Amino acid sequence: MSEFATTVRARVESARQSVRAARETGDEELAGLHEADLGNLERLAREHGVDLGDEPAC
């Protein structure tokens, strides 16, 4: 696995955790910001053939 793929996967996981944490505290605005970041990371991964597994976006 390339360093790029490893980094993208780590950033995706971090963004997913941030979305969950924001929702748990009821901060939907912050959750929306993290969802936007997550969407951008998922797009980047697709464009470069990085498999993110089966977990869907939050």
Foldseek 3Di string as FASTA:
>chain_A
DDPVLVVLLVLLVVLQVQLVVCVVVPNVVSNVVSLVVNVVSVVVCVVVVRDNDDDDRD
